[in-house]
């Protein structure tokens, strides 16, 4: 079967500059970005190889056989609407108490008992969901392409409130029970009253001319909200009033052309003790002190996914789909697995002795945290997997692009 490696989805607020005099490869990629921008301000996803043919584009690595050391056992599987839909959504389920909540692009939101897969309720809204889901304090939260945020009741699925925001929402809203925080694609972080959806505050940043289609979800850490932006910045604001506490760069744009200067912080932030870890595309991995924003660790790397932690390591998947383990807070590479090169793998998820990723053909891969060798593999969705993996003890939940949420046990 012929496959083509997909370009990163882009969005922009003005046209990219000319690529005259650059290499053929850069010119093709830049022209692809221009086509994307001309099609839609929201940047419709389309692979570069589909635009030009794949003669000059390296294809994804072929999967190699190995002796499987354990079996991934399917516990249950539930359909959730049309999944990621036709836009480059990365809708990810969320766990709260005994339930897991999932949403699809066609507006279907489902509450599932994570022990046995029984559906508690299914709400088929008429919304085009692009950001979600968040789940905490009795609410299920999601954002839409039409710039609205919705809160549903966790037990009944009924709509508690909806609120307009400034632009499309591509990440899951979060809440501490008092305020709901949502990040929009126009570079704004907005605080809403958790009880009513009334706007409480807004924090604004400037977005670059060209960015990836996506955004990291805000993180609630005590009395503050942490968020990463397309400008390569991490900011901490007061959760109650939105006042800026600190901001720090994870990456600095470099290069002459807009496409070379893309430095989005798109992967979800990771909290560990007093440190928040972040990754940026064409930039760095960095650890910042939550209280002050002081840089406590950093290494040059390029990733648009979140990080994972375990066995004294930090795990990340880079922009070439290599899975890499770094010794915590150092630049020491413990191991690197490049057997999934250009397979558009998800960010890693650590559970037990293993680290898991999924890829564009829908395979779930389980690797050893010790040395990065493959221990198990199973195909979960023929349409592929983009959403982040969700783990709980010895269970991993995979939301395939087609809309099936499946739970696997590694026991």
Foldseek 3Di string as FASTA:
>chain_A
DDDAFFDFFKAFDDQWDQPPPHDPVVNLVSVVNRVQHVVDNLRAGDGSCVVPPCPPPDGWFDDDDDDFQFDWFFQDKDFFPQFAPRGPAFWAWDDDDQWIWGHHQQQKIWIARVVRGDTQDIDRDRFRWQEDWEDDPQWTWTWGQQAKIWIAGNRYRHTQEMEGDDGGFHYHWYDPNQWIWTAHQQAKIWIAGPNYRHTQEMDGDHADRMEGNAFAYWDDDPQWIWGWFQQQKIWIAGNRHRHTQDMDGQFAADDDIPVSRGWGFGAYWDDDVQWIWTATAQGKIWIAGNRHRHTQAIDGFGDNHYWEDDPQWIWWQGPQRKIWTDRPRDRRTQEIHCSRGSQQKHTWYDEDQWIWIWGQQQKIWIAGPNYGHTNDIDRDDRRTAHHDWDDDHQKIWGQGNRRMIIIIGRD
